[in-house]
Protein backbone atom coordinates (compact mmCIF):
# COMPACT_ATOMS: atom_id res chain seq x y z
CA LEU A 1 -0.12 0.09 -0.40
CA GLN A 2 2.95 1.90 0.67
CA LYS A 3 4.70 1.37 -2.37
CA GLU A 4 1.72 1.21 -4.72
CA GLY A 5 -0.17 4.17 -3.33
CA ARG A 6 1.94 5.99 -0.71
CA LEU A 7 -0.96 5.67 1.88
CA LEU A 8 1.35 6.12 5.11
CA ASP A 9 2.61 9.31 3.46
CA PHE A 10 -1.12 10.34 2.93
CA PHE A 11 -2.36 9.32 6.46
CA SER A 12 0.76 11.28 8.00
CA GLU A 13 0.09 14.65 6.17
CA ASP A 14 -1.55 17.57 7.82
CA LEU A 15 -4.54 18.03 5.65
CA THR A 16 -5.77 21.48 7.14
CA PRO A 17 -4.16 23.49 4.73
CA TYR A 18 -5.44 22.30 1.64
CA ASN A 19 -9.28 22.76 0.39
CA ASP A 20 -11.41 19.63 -0.68
CA GLY A 21 -10.69 20.00 -4.04
CA GLN A 22 -6.84 19.91 -3.65
CA ILE A 23 -7.37 16.63 -0.93
CA GLY A 24 -9.78 15.01 -3.97
CA ALA A 25 -7.71 15.48 -6.41
CA ALA A 26 -4.39 13.90 -4.43
CA VAL A 27 -6.83 11.17 -3.29
CA ARG A 28 -7.74 9.89 -7.08
CA SER A 29 -3.70 8.56 -7.71
CA ILE A 30 -3.55 7.19 -4.01
CA HIS A 31 -6.80 5.21 -4.24
CA GLU A 32 -6.11 3.95 -7.88
CA GLY A 33 -2.59 2.54 -6.40
CA CYS A 34 -4.11 1.18 -3.13
CA LYS A 35 -6.76 -0.69 -5.22
CA LYS A 36 -3.80 -2.00 -7.68
CA ALA A 37 -1.95 -3.34 -4.43
CA LEU A 38 -4.82 -4.81 -2.91
CA ASP A 39 -6.04 -6.40 -6.28
CA ASP A 40 -2.61 -8.05 -6.89
CA VAL A 41 -2.25 -9.39 -3.32
CA ILE A 42 -5.75 -10.49 -2.05
CA ALA A 43 -8.21 -9.67 -4.64
CA PRO A 44 -11.02 -9.11 -2.30
CA GLN A 45 -14.38 -9.92 -3.22
CA ALA A 46 -17.53 -9.27 -1.17
CA ILE A 47 -19.08 -11.72 0.92
CA LEU A 48 -22.79 -10.97 0.27
CA ALA A 49 -23.96 -10.36 -3.72
CA GLN A 50 -26.64 -8.58 -1.84
CA GLN A 51 -26.48 -4.64 -1.82
CA GLU A 52 -26.04 -2.53 1.41
CA GLU A 53 -29.73 -1.86 2.70
CA GLU A 54 -31.31 -5.01 0.49
CA GLU A 55 -33.52 -7.14 2.98
CA ILE A 56 -31.86 -10.46 3.23
CA GLU A 57 -32.42 -14.02 4.67
CA VAL A 58 -29.97 -15.56 6.63
CA ALA A 59 -30.12 -19.41 6.66
CA ALA A 60 -29.58 -21.75 9.52
CA ASP A 61 -26.47 -22.72 8.20
CA PHE A 62 -24.82 -19.65 8.17
CA ASP A 63 -21.32 -19.38 8.46
CA PRO A 64 -20.60 -16.62 11.90
CA ASN A 65 -17.11 -16.08 10.30
CA ALA A 66 -18.53 -14.78 7.57
CA LEU A 67 -21.81 -12.96 8.73
CA LYS A 68 -21.90 -10.88 11.76
CA LEU A 69 -25.32 -10.58 13.05
CA VAL A 70 -26.28 -7.22 14.88
CA GLY A 71 -29.62 -5.64 16.36
CA ASN A 72 -32.52 -7.54 17.50
CA VAL A 73 -30.95 -11.35 17.57
CA THR A 74 -32.94 -13.54 19.28
CA GLY A 75 -34.35 -17.09 18.67
CA ARG A 76 -32.90 -19.17 16.11
CA PRO A 77 -32.36 -18.61 12.53
CA PRO A 78 -33.48 -18.55 9.87
CA PHE A 79 -33.43 -14.81 10.65
CA LYS A 80 -34.57 -11.58 8.27
CA GLY A 81 -32.57 -8.41 8.26
CA ILE A 82 -31.12 -5.49 6.05
CA VAL A 83 -27.28 -5.85 4.87
CA ARG A 84 -25.84 -3.20 6.79
CA HIS A 85 -22.20 -4.18 5.15
CA ARG A 86 -21.66 -6.65 2.65
CA GLY A 87 -18.28 -7.74 4.07
CA TRP A 88 -15.06 -8.35 2.49
CA ARG A 89 -13.15 -12.12 1.33
CA ALA A 90 -9.98 -12.41 0.00
CA ARG A 91 -9.99 -14.50 -3.03
CA ASN A 92 -6.41 -14.92 -3.06
CA LEU A 93 -3.68 -14.48 -0.63
CA ASP A 94 -0.47 -13.86 -2.71
CA LEU A 95 1.74 -12.26 0.40
CA PRO A 96 5.03 -11.44 -0.42
CA SER A 97 7.65 -13.89 1.63
CA PHE A 98 10.01 -12.39 4.10
CA SER A 99 13.57 -12.55 2.32
CA GLY A 100 15.54 -12.19 5.61
CA SER A 101 18.02 -9.78 4.17
CA VAL A 102 15.92 -6.62 4.99
CA ALA A 103 15.20 -4.80 8.40
CA PRO A 104 11.36 -5.87 9.10
CA GLU A 105 10.47 -2.64 10.40
CA ILE A 106 11.37 -0.78 7.49
CA ILE A 107 8.20 -0.46 5.75
CA ALA A 108 9.55 1.80 3.00
CA PRO A 109 13.13 3.26 2.81
CA ALA A 110 13.86 6.88 2.87
CA GLU A 111 14.77 7.88 -0.60
CA VAL A 112 17.52 10.58 -1.28
CA GLU A 113 18.20 11.92 -5.03
CA VAL A 114 22.00 12.15 -5.31
CA ARG A 115 23.21 15.56 -7.38
């Protein structure tokens, strides 16, 4: 996320001096880079096909790791409810392996342009 989208740089920046238009313009490239990094590494996919605010019926054999029930949860399933968040699952896990040749606490090295 740092390498492709410079996400840590963005989060550590004081946005107070910038107007919304300037922030929006900067966020576009950060969004594109971070989305590419996530797609390459985990390929995120929504858990539910339904959209947020749509009604859903939760079957008796639902996976409690994939669905978090909130609100007035009483009795036994099936439950009827409203999708508040579609959730995310990784379709792929292509995490880089630790080579042992670099310090693991360094997220991104500092860059110095030599003249």
